[in-house]
Amino acid sequence: MKYGFVLPRGDARTAAEFAHDAETAGWDGFFVWEAPWSVDAWVALTAAAMRTERIRLGTMLTPLSRMRPWKLASETATLDHLSGGRVILSVGLGAVETGFEEFGEVTAVKERAELLDEGLDILTGLWQGQPFSYAGKHYQVREVTFGHPPPAPVQQPRIPIWVVGLWPAPKSMARALRNDGLLPAVKDEAGQWRETRPEDIREMKAFVEEERTASTPFDIVVEGTTPGDKPEQAAAQVRPWTEAGATWWIEAKWDAEDLEAVHERIRQGPPLGG
């Protein structure tokens, strides 16, 4: 199991300071959130990259359906080089309540899914280098013959992409399997969202092993909160997820109002022993 921490809010300077302390405390990853109108995730991660050497850096998560894929390809490739190959990109449809409607972004689930799929095609295609062209329903890209594109990412065959997978929806899970990691989401038989449980992870892991054809590494990522001042309890809380097949635990204090409390949890270190 690897352990990451997601910063619930804060500016780029905060991200740099907290990422540095997260690396010192033994966390494996440091993540920031991304919304239509917020502190820019990639500026924050760039600041974090300049203060760290080992820790992985990424988003939790990037709503690719409302972004220009070529701009994201530039940002991620540039940061991957700056950080020495430490970027992880997490993508999904995004949470519409974070400002999608207010800024005129697409809110329909089907269209956002189409934009996500085409965006991933363009993103990974551009990472592979020139020449590149693409003809989709929503995006058309002609071969670029000018400018100075960034070099291919340090990480090969590509920057790892974690994708939200709705269990057991076939199209959503297939999207995750085409990439490098699964951010699990679960609905019950009535179609209502519910919390993911370790037994769900066990079923998803079996599905991944049966259905995924690529031989590259694949992560299953879960999130939650653990008590940093009670290491044995924290480790016991994570252990069932490890045994079920999860490979990353993301400490996510989304409702934290006090950044100092967030900082203290980072300094306490990950829930080792899971």
Protein backbone atom coordinates (compact mmCIF):
# COMPACT_ATOMS: atom_id res chain seq x y z
CA MET A 1 0.00 0.00 0.00
CA LYS A 2 1.11 3.53 -0.81
CA TYR A 3 -0.20 6.57 0.99
CA GLY A 4 -1.22 9.95 -0.38
CA PHE A 5 -2.66 13.13 1.08
CA VAL A 6 -5.04 15.47 -0.71
CA LEU A 7 -4.98 19.17 0.18
CA PRO A 8 -8.62 20.22 0.66
CA ARG A 9 -7.91 23.90 0.01
CA GLY A 10 -5.10 26.44 0.14
CA ASP A 11 -2.96 28.49 -2.22
CA ALA A 12 0.16 27.49 -4.14
CA ARG A 13 2.47 28.54 -1.32
CA THR A 14 0.50 26.33 1.08
CA ALA A 15 0.72 23.43 -1.38
CA ALA A 16 4.50 23.82 -1.59
CA GLU A 17 4.93 23.92 2.19
CA PHE A 18 2.54 21.06 2.90
CA ALA A 19 3.99 18.88 0.12
CA HIS A 20 7.48 19.37 1.53
CA ASP A 21 6.29 18.33 4.98
CA ALA A 22 4.35 15.40 3.53
CA GLU A 23 7.51 14.11 1.87
CA THR A 24 9.44 14.52 5.12
CA ALA A 25 6.72 12.64 7.04
CA GLY A 26 6.83 9.66 4.68
CA TRP A 27 3.76 10.12 2.48
CA ASP A 28 4.08 8.71 -1.05
CA GLY A 29 1.82 11.20 -2.85
CA PHE A 30 0.50 14.75 -2.55
CA PHE A 31 -2.66 15.76 -4.39
CA VAL A 32 -4.71 18.91 -4.97
CA TRP A 33 -8.24 19.39 -6.25
CA GLU A 34 -9.26 21.09 -9.48
CA ALA A 35 -12.47 23.02 -10.24
CA PRO A 36 -13.66 25.58 -12.81
CA TRP A 37 -12.81 28.50 -10.48
CA SER A 38 -10.23 27.73 -7.83
CA VAL A 39 -6.54 27.99 -7.05
CA ASP A 40 -4.90 26.64 -10.19
CA ALA A 41 -3.99 23.02 -9.59
CA TRP A 42 -1.00 22.93 -11.93
CA VAL A 43 0.55 26.11 -10.55
CA ALA A 44 0.12 24.67 -7.04
CA LEU A 45 1.71 21.37 -8.07
CA THR A 46 4.57 23.21 -9.78
CA ALA A 47 5.25 25.04 -6.52
CA ALA A 48 5.13 21.68 -4.72
CA ALA A 49 7.54 20.14 -7.23
CA MET A 50 10.11 22.85 -6.48
CA ARG A 51 10.06 21.98 -2.77
CA THR A 52 10.17 18.18 -3.07
CA GLU A 53 12.31 15.43 -4.58
CA ARG A 54 10.55 12.09 -4.12
CA ILE A 55 6.83 12.42 -3.47
CA ARG A 56 4.36 11.83 -6.31
CA LEU A 57 2.28 14.86 -7.35
CA GLY A 58 -1.20 14.85 -8.82
CA THR A 59 -4.80 15.97 -8.91
CA MET A 60 -7.78 14.54 -7.11
CA LEU A 61 -9.32 15.00 -9.55
CA THR A 62 -9.17 16.75 -12.95
CA PRO A 63 -12.58 17.22 -14.66
CA LEU A 64 -11.23 16.63 -18.16
CA SER A 65 -14.63 17.06 -19.81
CA ARG A 66 -14.46 20.83 -19.23
CA MET A 67 -10.79 21.31 -20.19
CA ARG A 68 -8.83 21.74 -23.41
CA PRO A 69 -6.98 18.42 -23.69
CA TRP A 70 -3.99 19.99 -25.46
CA LYS A 71 -3.56 22.52 -22.65
CA LEU A 72 -3.64 19.72 -20.07
CA ALA A 73 -1.17 17.71 -22.16
CA SER A 74 1.22 20.67 -22.08
CA GLU A 75 0.81 21.20 -18.33
CA THR A 76 1.27 17.57 -17.37
CA ALA A 77 4.24 16.93 -19.66
CA THR A 78 5.95 20.10 -18.49
CA LEU A 79 5.43 19.25 -14.82
CA ASP A 80 6.54 15.66 -15.36
CA HIS A 81 9.88 16.96 -16.62
CA LEU A 82 10.21 19.56 -13.90
CA SER A 83 9.53 16.96 -11.19
CA GLY A 84 11.69 14.24 -12.68
CA GLY A 85 8.77 11.98 -13.58
CA ARG A 86 6.52 12.24 -10.51
CA VAL A 87 3.13 13.24 -11.96
CA ILE A 88 -0.09 11.25 -11.55
CA LEU A 89 -3.21 12.45 -13.37
CA SER A 90 -6.61 11.57 -11.91
CA VAL A 91 -9.61 12.22 -14.15
CA GLY A 92 -13.37 11.91 -14.05
CA LEU A 93 -16.55 13.60 -15.16
CA GLY A 94 -16.20 16.13 -12.38
CA ALA A 95 -18.65 17.43 -9.82
CA VAL A 96 -21.14 19.74 -11.54
CA GLU A 97 -21.92 21.50 -8.26
CA THR A 98 -18.42 23.06 -8.28
CA GLY A 99 -19.46 25.66 -10.85
CA PHE A 100 -20.12 23.83 -14.11
CA GLU A 101 -23.50 25.42 -14.76
CA GLU A 102 -22.44 28.86 -13.58
CA PHE A 103 -19.58 28.95 -16.10
CA GLY A 104 -21.55 27.43 -18.95
CA GLU A 105 -19.81 24.05 -18.86
CA VAL A 106 -21.46 20.89 -20.16
CA THR A 107 -23.50 19.21 -17.42
CA ALA A 108 -25.14 16.28 -19.26
CA VAL A 109 -23.56 13.01 -18.15
CA LYS A 110 -23.48 11.39 -21.61
CA GLU A 111 -21.80 14.36 -23.26
CA ARG A 112 -19.28 14.73 -20.44
CA ALA A 113 -18.42 11.05 -20.81
CA GLU A 114 -17.87 11.54 -24.55
CA LEU A 115 -15.66 14.57 -23.88
CA LEU A 116 -13.72 12.60 -21.29
CA ASP A 117 -13.04 9.73 -23.68
CA GLU A 118 -11.99 11.99 -26.54
CA GLY A 119 -9.92 14.12 -24.17
CA LEU A 120 -8.01 11.05 -23.00
CA ASP A 121 -7.37 10.03 -26.61
CA ILE A 122 -5.92 13.46 -27.40
CA LEU A 123 -3.96 13.72 -24.18
CA THR A 124 -2.20 10.38 -24.59
CA GLY A 125 -1.73 10.96 -28.32
CA LEU A 126 0.01 14.28 -27.80
CA TRP A 127 2.25 12.79 -25.11
CA GLN A 128 3.55 10.37 -27.74
CA GLY A 129 4.87 13.26 -29.83
CA GLN A 130 4.43 14.75 -33.27
CA PRO A 131 2.88 14.35 -35.75
CA PHE A 132 -0.59 13.94 -34.21
CA SER A 133 -4.09 14.38 -35.55
CA TYR A 134 -7.52 13.46 -34.28
CA ALA A 135 -11.06 13.40 -35.61
CA GLY A 136 -13.79 12.89 -33.03
CA LYS A 137 -17.35 13.92 -32.39
CA HIS A 138 -16.37 16.87 -30.20
CA TYR A 139 -12.71 17.52 -31.04
CA GLN A 140 -10.81 17.78 -34.30
CA VAL A 141 -7.04 18.20 -34.20
CA ARG A 142 -4.95 18.71 -37.33
CA GLU A 143 -1.25 17.98 -37.42
CA VAL A 144 0.72 20.75 -35.76
CA THR A 145 3.68 21.87 -37.85
CA PHE A 146 4.71 24.93 -35.85
CA GLY A 147 5.65 25.89 -32.34
CA HIS A 148 7.79 24.11 -29.79
CA PRO A 149 5.85 21.30 -28.12
CA PRO A 150 7.18 19.91 -24.85
CA PRO A 151 9.21 16.72 -25.00
CA ALA A 152 7.47 13.45 -24.24
CA PRO A 153 6.89 12.88 -20.51
CA VAL A 154 9.70 11.39 -18.48
CA GLN A 155 7.43 8.53 -17.44
CA GLN A 156 6.95 5.90 -20.08
CA PRO A 157 4.85 4.56 -21.65
CA ARG A 158 3.00 7.59 -20.22
CA ILE A 159 2.11 9.55 -17.14
CA PRO A 160 -0.12 7.27 -15.03
CA ILE A 161 -3.81 8.07 -15.42
CA TRP A 162 -6.27 7.15 -12.69
CA VAL A 163 -9.91 7.16 -13.79
CA VAL A 164 -13.15 7.17 -11.83
CA GLY A 165 -14.89 3.85 -12.43
CA LEU A 166 -18.54 3.39 -11.53
CA TRP A 167 -19.08 -0.16 -10.33
CA PRO A 168 -20.47 -2.22 -11.97
CA ALA A 169 -21.24 0.04 -15.00
CA PRO A 170 -19.53 -1.63 -18.02
CA LYS A 171 -18.56 1.52 -19.97
CA SER A 172 -17.22 3.32 -16.94
CA MET A 173 -15.17 0.34 -15.79
CA ALA A 174 -13.87 -0.27 -19.31
CA ARG A 175 -12.59 3.33 -19.40
CA ALA A 176 -10.65 2.76 -16.19
CA LEU A 177 -9.21 -0.52 -17.46
CA ARG A 178 -7.85 1.21 -20.57
CA ASN A 179 -5.76 3.39 -18.29
CA ASP A 180 -3.58 2.92 -15.23
CA GLY A 181 -5.73 3.09 -12.14
CA LEU A 182 -9.23 2.95 -10.73
CA LEU A 183 -10.92 5.51 -8.47
CA PRO A 184 -13.90 3.43 -7.35
CA ALA A 185 -17.45 4.74 -7.15
CA VAL A 186 -20.43 2.53 -6.32
CA LYS A 187 -24.19 2.69 -6.81
CA ASP A 188 -26.67 0.30 -5.23
CA GLU A 189 -29.30 -1.72 -7.07
CA ALA A 190 -31.67 1.25 -6.93
CA GLY A 191 -29.11 3.44 -8.68
CA GLN A 192 -28.26 5.47 -5.58
CA TRP A 193 -24.72 6.39 -4.57
CA ARG A 194 -23.34 4.57 -1.56
CA GLU A 195 -20.01 4.32 0.20
CA THR A 196 -17.45 1.95 -1.25
CA ARG A 197 -16.69 -1.04 0.97
CA PRO A 198 -13.70 -3.41 1.09
CA GLU A 199 -15.84 -6.19 -0.40
CA ASP A 200 -16.49 -3.92 -3.40
CA ILE A 201 -12.76 -3.48 -3.86
CA ARG A 202 -12.30 -7.24 -3.74
CA GLU A 203 -14.87 -7.68 -6.52
CA MET A 204 -13.33 -4.90 -8.59
CA LYS A 205 -9.84 -6.35 -8.23
CA ALA A 206 -11.08 -9.71 -9.51
CA PHE A 207 -12.77 -7.94 -12.42
CA VAL A 208 -9.58 -6.05 -13.26
CA GLU A 209 -7.49 -9.21 -13.19
CA GLU A 210 -9.96 -10.99 -15.46
CA GLU A 211 -10.70 -8.20 -17.94
CA ARG A 212 -7.60 -6.03 -18.24
CA THR A 213 -5.29 -7.06 -21.07
CA ALA A 214 -2.39 -4.62 -20.55
CA SER A 215 0.62 -5.83 -18.56
CA THR A 216 1.51 -2.41 -17.14
CA PRO A 217 0.93 -1.68 -13.42
CA PHE A 218 -2.63 -0.85 -12.35
CA ASP A 219 -3.65 0.90 -9.15
CA ILE A 220 -6.86 0.71 -7.13
CA VAL A 221 -7.21 3.89 -5.11
CA VAL A 222 -9.38 4.41 -2.02
CA GLU A 223 -9.74 7.40 0.26
CA GLY A 224 -10.75 8.08 3.83
CA THR A 225 -9.58 9.66 7.07
CA THR A 226 -7.54 8.09 9.83
CA PRO A 227 -6.51 9.35 13.31
CA GLY A 228 -2.91 10.48 13.09
CA ASP A 229 -2.50 10.40 16.85
CA LYS A 230 -3.59 6.76 17.06
CA PRO A 231 -1.27 4.86 14.70
CA GLU A 232 -2.44 1.37 15.61
CA GLN A 233 -6.08 2.31 15.08
CA ALA A 234 -5.20 4.03 11.81
CA ALA A 235 -3.32 0.99 10.52
CA ALA A 236 -6.20 -1.28 11.50
CA GLN A 237 -8.60 0.95 9.60
CA VAL A 238 -6.54 0.71 6.41
CA ARG A 239 -5.76 -3.01 6.66
CA PRO A 240 -9.08 -4.36 5.25
CA TRP A 241 -8.60 -2.21 2.14
CA THR A 242 -5.09 -3.53 1.62
CA GLU A 243 -6.29 -7.11 2.01
CA ALA A 244 -9.09 -6.43 -0.51
CA GLY A 245 -6.59 -5.30 -3.14
CA ALA A 246 -6.31 -1.52 -2.91
CA THR A 247 -2.84 -0.19 -3.74
CA TRP A 248 -3.20 3.47 -2.64
CA TRP A 249 -4.81 5.02 0.42
CA ILE A 250 -5.58 8.73 0.02
CA GLU A 251 -6.06 10.64 3.25
CA ALA A 252 -8.87 13.06 2.41
CA LYS A 253 -10.00 15.59 5.01
CA TRP A 254 -12.41 17.28 2.60
CA ASP A 255 -14.50 18.94 5.31
CA ALA A 256 -11.55 20.40 7.21
CA GLU A 257 -11.95 24.10 7.93
CA ASP A 258 -8.72 24.50 9.88
CA LEU A 259 -5.65 24.27 7.65
CA GLU A 260 -3.42 23.94 10.68
CA ALA A 261 -5.27 20.73 11.59
CA VAL A 262 -4.66 19.50 8.04
CA HIS A 263 -0.98 20.40 8.37
CA GLU A 264 -0.74 18.55 11.68
CA ARG A 265 -2.27 15.41 10.15
CA ILE A 266 0.31 15.56 7.36
CA ARG A 267 3.17 15.85 9.83
CA GLN A 268 1.83 12.86 11.79
CA GLY A 269 2.56 10.69 8.76
CA PRO A 270 0.68 7.98 6.89
CA PRO A 271 -1.25 5.12 8.56
CA LEU A 272 1.58 2.63 8.10
CA GLY A 273 1.02 -1.01 8.81
CA GLY A 274 -2.02 -1.38 6.56
